[in-house]
Amino acid sequence: MLVEPDYRGHRIQVHAELTGGRWDAVVRILRVLSDDKRYVGRVTCRKVTAELAEHHGAIWGRRWVDANPGQGSGVEM
């Protein structure tokens, strides 16, 4: 599990899951100091190792936060 505790006011948690012999990432984004729902997304990246999948999931999570400024994480997927 990879955790970024504070990226622009959000906590990003990423863990890899094995799917069909390759690794995908599950990303949870939670606004720090807020009771908003967390955003949960699955990044289909089909990487060879869990570490690579988590790294790409963290990049995706940062991009989501950057693309949704001030929106918080009020979407449950």
C-alpha atoms as a PDB file:
ATOM      1  CA  MET A   1       0.000   0.000   0.000  1.00  0.00           C
ATOM      2  CA  LEU A   2       1.234   3.449  -0.913  1.00  0.00           C
ATOM      3  CA  VAL A   3      -0.042   6.456   1.055  1.00  0.00           C
ATOM      4  CA  GLU A   4       0.459  10.118   0.313  1.00  0.00           C
ATOM      5  CA  PRO A   5      -0.751  11.774   3.541  1.00  0.00           C
ATOM      6  CA  ASP A   6      -1.190  15.329   2.253  1.00  0.00           C
ATOM      7  CA  TYR A   7      -1.374  16.251  -1.402  1.00  0.00           C
ATOM      8  CA  ARG A   8      -3.073  19.648  -1.730  1.00  0.00           C
ATOM      9  CA  GLY A   9      -5.318  18.923   1.233  1.00  0.00           C
ATOM     10  CA  HIS A  10      -6.139  15.343   0.229  1.00  0.00           C
ATOM     11  CA  ARG A  11      -4.938  11.954   1.431  1.00  0.00           C
ATOM     12  CA  ILE A  12      -4.285   9.506  -1.412  1.00  0.00           C
ATOM     13  CA  GLN A  13      -4.188   5.780  -0.643  1.00  0.00           C
ATOM     14  CA  VAL A  14      -3.255   3.285  -3.340  1.00  0.00           C
ATOM     15  CA  HIS A  15      -3.104  -0.483  -3.205  1.00  0.00           C
ATOM     16  CA  ALA A  16      -2.508  -2.986  -5.983  1.00  0.00           C
ATOM     17  CA  GLU A  17      -4.821  -5.871  -6.850  1.00  0.00           C
ATOM     18  CA  LEU A  18      -3.937  -8.837  -8.995  1.00  0.00           C
ATOM     19  CA  THR A  19      -6.289  -9.164 -11.974  1.00  0.00           C
ATOM     20  CA  GLY A  20      -5.752 -11.806 -14.612  1.00  0.00           C
ATOM     21  CA  GLY A  21      -2.047 -12.188 -13.899  1.00  0.00           C
ATOM     22  CA  ARG A  22      -1.324  -8.424 -13.975  1.00  0.00           C
ATOM     23  CA  TRP A  23      -1.594  -5.664 -11.358  1.00  0.00           C
ATOM     24  CA  ASP A  24      -4.179  -2.862 -11.274  1.00  0.00           C
ATOM     25  CA  ALA A  25      -4.438  -0.065  -8.707  1.00  0.00           C
ATOM     26  CA  VAL A  26      -7.320   0.895  -6.443  1.00  0.00           C
ATOM     27  CA  VAL A  27      -7.137   4.568  -5.463  1.00  0.00           C
ATOM     28  CA  ARG A  28      -8.925   6.180  -2.505  1.00  0.00           C
ATOM     29  CA  ILE A  29      -8.895   9.966  -2.208  1.00  0.00           C
ATOM     30  CA  LEU A  30     -10.077  11.604   1.000  1.00  0.00           C
ATOM     31  CA  ARG A  31     -10.137  15.308   1.765  1.00  0.00           C
ATOM     32  CA  VAL A  32      -8.075  15.977   4.906  1.00  0.00           C
ATOM     33  CA  LEU A  33      -9.984  17.483   7.864  1.00  0.00           C
ATOM     34  CA  SER A  34     -13.372  16.928   6.222  1.00  0.00           C
ATOM     35  CA  ASP A  35     -16.270  14.521   6.598  1.00  0.00           C
ATOM     36  CA  ASP A  36     -16.846  14.312   2.813  1.00  0.00           C
ATOM     37  CA  LYS A  37     -17.185  10.868   1.251  1.00  0.00           C
ATOM     38  CA  ARG A  38     -14.018   9.486  -0.194  1.00  0.00           C
ATOM     39  CA  TYR A  39     -13.528   9.022  -3.927  1.00  0.00           C
ATOM     40  CA  VAL A  40     -12.692   5.465  -4.895  1.00  0.00           C
ATOM     41  CA  GLY A  41     -11.470   4.622  -8.371  1.00  0.00           C
ATOM     42  CA  ARG A  42      -9.902   1.656 -10.064  1.00  0.00           C
ATOM     43  CA  VAL A  43      -6.988   2.321 -12.389  1.00  0.00           C
ATOM     44  CA  THR A  44      -6.648  -0.421 -14.984  1.00  0.00           C
ATOM     45  CA  CYS A  45      -2.943  -0.298 -15.691  1.00  0.00           C
ATOM     46  CA  ARG A  46      -2.001  -3.999 -16.120  1.00  0.00           C
ATOM     47  CA  LYS A  47       1.500  -3.591 -14.713  1.00  0.00           C
ATOM     48  CA  VAL A  48       3.957  -6.430 -14.145  1.00  0.00           C
ATOM     49  CA  THR A  49       4.572  -5.611 -10.455  1.00  0.00           C
ATOM     50  CA  ALA A  50       2.406  -4.299  -7.640  1.00  0.00           C
ATOM     51  CA  GLU A  51       4.871  -1.462  -6.994  1.00  0.00           C
ATOM     52  CA  LEU A  52       4.527  -0.160 -10.565  1.00  0.00           C
ATOM     53  CA  ALA A  53       0.734  -0.338 -10.366  1.00  0.00           C
ATOM     54  CA  GLU A  54       0.733   1.614  -7.083  1.00  0.00           C
ATOM     55  CA  HIS A  55       3.085   4.226  -8.532  1.00  0.00           C
ATOM     56  CA  HIS A  56       0.799   4.767 -11.540  1.00  0.00           C
ATOM     57  CA  GLY A  57      -2.254   4.821  -9.271  1.00  0.00           C
ATOM     58  CA  ALA A  58      -0.662   7.599  -7.187  1.00  0.00           C
ATOM     59  CA  ILE A  59       0.022   9.637 -10.331  1.00  0.00           C
ATOM     60  CA  TRP A  60      -3.598   9.168 -11.386  1.00  0.00           C
ATOM     61  CA  GLY A  61      -4.777  10.235  -7.901  1.00  0.00           C
ATOM     62  CA  ARG A  62      -2.721  13.439  -7.997  1.00  0.00           C
ATOM     63  CA  ARG A  63      -4.098  14.245 -11.441  1.00  0.00           C
ATOM     64  CA  TRP A  64      -7.651  13.709 -10.147  1.00  0.00           C
ATOM     65  CA  VAL A  65      -7.046  16.143  -7.276  1.00  0.00           C
ATOM     66  CA  ASP A  66      -5.501  18.690  -9.684  1.00  0.00           C
ATOM     67  CA  ALA A  67      -8.448  18.384 -12.087  1.00  0.00           C
ATOM     68  CA  ASN A  68     -11.064  18.804  -9.334  1.00  0.00           C
ATOM     69  CA  PRO A  69      -9.910  21.801  -7.272  1.00  0.00           C
ATOM     70  CA  GLY A  70     -12.122  22.600  -4.325  1.00  0.00           C
ATOM     71  CA  GLN A  71     -14.571  19.883  -5.272  1.00  0.00           C
ATOM     72  CA  GLY A  72     -13.526  17.661  -2.434  1.00  0.00           C
ATOM     73  CA  SER A  73     -14.066  13.962  -2.811  1.00  0.00           C
ATOM     74  CA  GLY A  74     -17.855  13.796  -2.753  1.00  0.00           C
ATOM     75  CA  VAL A  75     -18.197  11.118  -5.438  1.00  0.00           C
ATOM     76  CA  GLU A  76     -18.394   7.452  -4.572  1.00  0.00           C
ATOM     77  CA  MET A  77     -17.617   5.134  -7.438  1.00  0.00           C
END
